[in-house]
Amino acid sequence: MKILLIRHGESEADLLYVHEGRADFSLTESGRSQVHKLSAFLKENYKIDKLYSSTLKRAAETAGIVGEVLNLEVELRGELMEHNNGVFAGLRYAEAEERYPVPEGGYKMHEGVPEGETEIEFRARIGGAFSRILADNEYETVAMVSHGGAISRMMQSFFKLPFNVEHYVLTGDTGIPFLEDRGNLRVVHFMNSTEHLRR
């Protein structure tokens, strides 16, 4: 199975310099333009059989545009949402730092922002969702529209890495990692492609 992981386009939070996570911001006009370029690129280069998306607005809007261009229905999956960052969601960075200072050395894997998920819970949720999507269908190519943190955890799950990894996979607005599961072999075709934005 071939797997296209797609990060949503630019959101309003990117312009407000706030913690996003579970804060439910829409795409900006620039973000919608990015997604239209992405959609044209996907239509030209891939035959996608199934399209999944996080339920958060910025991802669902992205998937909606892609689905319309590719003539695909979007299957919304709440478990593909970004990290639940609790009280940080929607707060400006400086305000969050002042009101909820991060412990020295950061949060441990079993600790989290007040009212949010721990890293263990986040990784388990995303890993479970990713595994179910790969196991539950026989499509040749699937696409999942999600978020930067979630995509990083999907990559960790794809390579069956332990929970306590200390690296992060960066994905830009509408960036695409392209993976392939060949059963006994897991292949990365490319990471964080944004060539469609240069068209």
Protein backbone atom coordinates (compact mmCIF):
# COMPACT_ATOMS: atom_id res chain seq x y z
CA MET A 1 0.00 0.00 0.00
CA LYS A 2 1.19 3.49 -0.88
CA ILE A 3 0.53 6.19 1.70
CA LEU A 4 0.49 9.94 1.18
CA LEU A 5 0.54 11.87 4.43
CA ILE A 6 -0.61 15.45 3.86
CA ARG A 7 -0.27 18.35 6.23
CA HIS A 8 -3.02 20.97 6.06
CA GLY A 9 -2.48 24.40 4.50
CA GLU A 10 -1.60 27.60 6.35
CA SER A 11 -4.11 28.33 9.11
CA GLU A 12 -5.16 31.52 10.84
CA ALA A 13 -3.17 30.46 13.91
CA ASP A 14 0.05 30.73 11.89
CA LEU A 15 -0.56 34.48 11.56
CA LEU A 16 -1.59 34.99 15.19
CA TYR A 17 1.51 33.35 16.75
CA VAL A 18 -0.55 31.18 19.06
CA HIS A 19 -0.37 27.59 20.16
CA GLU A 20 -2.60 25.67 17.79
CA GLY A 21 -2.93 21.97 18.64
CA ARG A 22 -6.62 21.48 19.40
CA ALA A 23 -7.48 25.15 18.81
CA ASP A 24 -9.78 24.90 15.80
CA PHE A 25 -8.67 27.56 13.32
CA SER A 26 -9.66 27.71 9.64
CA LEU A 27 -7.35 28.00 6.65
CA THR A 28 -6.19 31.42 5.49
CA GLU A 29 -6.67 32.55 1.89
CA SER A 30 -3.02 31.72 1.35
CA GLY A 31 -3.66 28.30 2.87
CA ARG A 32 -6.52 27.66 0.45
CA SER A 33 -4.29 28.69 -2.45
CA GLN A 34 -1.65 26.23 -1.24
CA VAL A 35 -4.26 23.46 -1.13
CA HIS A 36 -5.48 24.18 -4.66
CA LYS A 37 -1.88 23.85 -5.90
CA LEU A 38 -1.53 20.65 -3.88
CA SER A 39 -4.76 19.25 -5.33
CA ALA A 40 -3.69 19.92 -8.92
CA PHE A 41 -0.34 18.23 -8.22
CA LEU A 42 -2.02 15.16 -6.70
CA LYS A 43 -4.46 14.87 -9.59
CA GLU A 44 -1.63 15.02 -12.10
CA ASN A 45 0.67 12.55 -10.36
CA TYR A 46 -1.28 10.05 -8.23
CA LYS A 47 -4.34 7.83 -8.34
CA ILE A 48 -5.60 8.03 -4.77
CA ASP A 49 -8.24 5.46 -3.85
CA LYS A 50 -9.21 6.62 -0.37
CA LEU A 51 -8.97 9.95 1.47
CA TYR A 52 -9.00 10.30 5.26
CA SER A 53 -8.83 13.47 7.33
CA SER A 54 -8.63 14.83 10.83
CA THR A 55 -11.84 16.52 11.94
CA LEU A 56 -10.16 19.83 12.87
CA LYS A 57 -11.17 22.65 10.49
CA ARG A 58 -7.78 23.31 8.92
CA ALA A 59 -7.38 19.64 7.97
CA ALA A 60 -11.02 19.01 7.03
CA GLU A 61 -11.02 22.12 4.77
CA THR A 62 -7.81 20.92 3.14
CA ALA A 63 -9.25 17.45 2.58
CA GLY A 64 -12.50 18.91 1.28
CA ILE A 65 -10.71 20.83 -1.46
CA VAL A 66 -8.53 17.84 -2.35
CA GLY A 67 -11.56 15.54 -2.38
CA GLU A 68 -13.50 17.87 -4.65
CA VAL A 69 -10.65 18.05 -7.17
CA LEU A 70 -9.98 14.30 -7.07
CA ASN A 71 -13.67 13.32 -6.91
CA LEU A 72 -13.18 11.49 -3.61
CA GLU A 73 -15.33 11.42 -0.50
CA VAL A 74 -13.51 12.38 2.68
CA GLU A 75 -13.69 10.02 5.62
CA LEU A 76 -13.29 12.12 8.77
CA ARG A 77 -11.46 10.45 11.65
CA GLY A 78 -11.31 12.21 15.00
CA GLU A 79 -8.33 10.13 16.06
CA LEU A 80 -6.20 11.86 13.38
CA MET A 81 -6.46 15.20 15.22
CA GLU A 82 -3.37 17.05 16.39
CA HIS A 83 -1.97 16.70 19.90
CA ASN A 84 -4.40 17.73 22.60
CA ASN A 85 -2.40 20.59 24.09
CA GLY A 86 -4.97 21.39 26.76
CA VAL A 87 -4.80 24.87 28.24
CA PHE A 88 -2.18 25.94 25.66
CA ALA A 89 -4.66 25.74 22.78
CA GLY A 90 -5.25 29.17 21.28
CA LEU A 91 -2.97 31.03 23.73
CA ARG A 92 -0.26 33.36 22.50
CA TYR A 93 3.17 31.86 23.12
CA ALA A 94 4.21 34.53 25.65
CA GLU A 95 0.94 34.25 27.55
CA ALA A 96 1.19 30.46 27.72
CA GLU A 97 4.77 30.69 28.98
CA GLU A 98 3.76 33.16 31.68
CA ARG A 99 0.61 31.37 32.85
CA TYR A 100 1.75 27.76 32.49
CA PRO A 101 5.56 27.60 32.63
CA VAL A 102 6.97 24.35 31.32
CA PRO A 103 8.88 22.37 33.97
CA GLU A 104 12.66 22.55 33.79
CA GLY A 105 13.77 19.91 31.32
CA GLY A 106 10.28 19.77 29.77
CA TYR A 107 7.41 17.40 30.36
CA LYS A 108 8.18 13.72 30.84
CA MET A 109 6.44 11.27 28.52
CA HIS A 110 3.80 10.46 31.14
CA GLU A 111 3.17 14.15 31.92
CA GLY A 112 1.29 16.70 29.87
CA VAL A 113 0.05 20.26 29.72
CA PRO A 114 -2.91 20.71 32.10
CA GLU A 115 -6.07 19.28 30.50
CA GLY A 116 -4.03 17.86 27.62
CA GLU A 117 -2.61 14.55 26.41
CA THR A 118 0.69 13.11 27.51
CA GLU A 119 3.22 12.19 24.82
CA ILE A 120 2.49 8.52 25.49
CA GLU A 121 -1.24 9.05 24.97
CA PHE A 122 -0.66 11.06 21.78
CA ARG A 123 1.69 8.51 20.25
CA ALA A 124 -0.65 5.63 21.17
CA ARG A 125 -3.69 7.37 19.69
CA ILE A 126 -1.99 8.27 16.41
CA GLY A 127 -0.23 4.92 16.15
CA GLY A 128 -3.52 3.10 16.68
CA ALA A 129 -5.33 5.21 14.08
CA PHE A 130 -2.53 4.77 11.55
CA SER A 131 -2.39 1.02 12.12
CA ARG A 132 -6.17 0.63 11.76
CA ILE A 133 -6.23 2.53 8.48
CA LEU A 134 -3.45 0.38 7.05
CA ALA A 135 -5.07 -2.85 8.26
CA ASP A 136 -8.71 -2.11 7.49
CA ASN A 137 -8.58 -1.78 3.72
CA GLU A 138 -7.04 -3.16 0.55
CA TYR A 139 -6.64 0.11 -1.34
CA GLU A 140 -3.55 0.57 -3.46
CA THR A 141 -3.03 4.22 -2.48
CA VAL A 142 -4.47 6.11 0.48
CA ALA A 143 -4.03 9.72 1.60
CA MET A 144 -4.39 11.07 5.13
CA VAL A 145 -4.74 14.80 5.81
CA SER A 146 -3.52 15.63 9.28
CA HIS A 147 -1.14 17.86 11.26
CA GLY A 148 2.58 18.30 11.80
CA GLY A 149 2.80 16.58 15.17
CA ALA A 150 0.44 13.81 14.16
CA ILE A 151 2.36 13.13 10.93
CA SER A 152 5.59 12.90 12.91
CA ARG A 153 3.99 10.28 15.17
CA MET A 154 2.68 8.40 12.10
CA MET A 155 6.23 8.25 10.79
CA GLN A 156 7.41 6.85 14.12
CA SER A 157 4.61 4.28 13.98
CA PHE A 158 5.40 3.42 10.34
CA PHE A 159 8.97 2.50 11.32
CA LYS A 160 7.82 0.74 14.51
CA LEU A 161 10.03 2.97 16.63
CA PRO A 162 9.81 2.95 20.43
CA PHE A 163 7.76 5.59 22.21
CA ASN A 164 10.76 7.36 23.74
CA VAL A 165 12.36 8.61 20.52
CA GLU A 166 13.94 12.06 20.69
CA HIS A 167 13.49 13.19 17.11
CA TYR A 168 10.73 14.94 15.18
CA VAL A 169 9.81 14.83 11.48
CA LEU A 170 9.14 18.35 10.17
CA THR A 171 6.42 18.81 7.57
CA GLY A 172 5.61 22.23 6.08
CA ASP A 173 2.21 23.58 5.04
CA THR A 174 0.73 21.08 2.53
CA GLY A 175 3.97 19.10 2.77
CA ILE A 176 3.77 15.44 1.72
CA PRO A 177 5.72 12.45 2.99
CA PHE A 178 5.19 9.53 0.57
CA LEU A 179 5.50 6.06 2.13
CA GLU A 180 4.94 2.51 0.99
CA ASP A 181 4.14 -0.58 3.03
CA ARG A 182 5.25 -3.69 1.12
CA GLY A 183 4.46 -6.06 3.94
CA ASN A 184 7.96 -7.10 4.99
CA LEU A 185 9.52 -3.84 3.79
CA ARG A 186 8.68 -0.22 4.59
CA VAL A 187 9.83 2.35 2.05
CA VAL A 188 10.13 6.16 2.11
CA HIS A 189 9.82 7.58 -1.41
CA PHE A 190 10.28 11.18 -0.20
CA MET A 191 9.74 13.45 2.79
CA ASN A 192 8.07 16.85 3.13
CA SER A 193 7.68 17.52 -0.58
CA THR A 194 6.31 21.00 -1.29
CA GLU A 195 7.29 21.22 -4.96
CA HIS A 196 3.64 21.93 -5.84
CA LEU A 197 3.93 25.32 -4.10
CA ARG A 198 6.62 26.41 -6.58
CA ARG A 199 4.33 25.99 -9.60
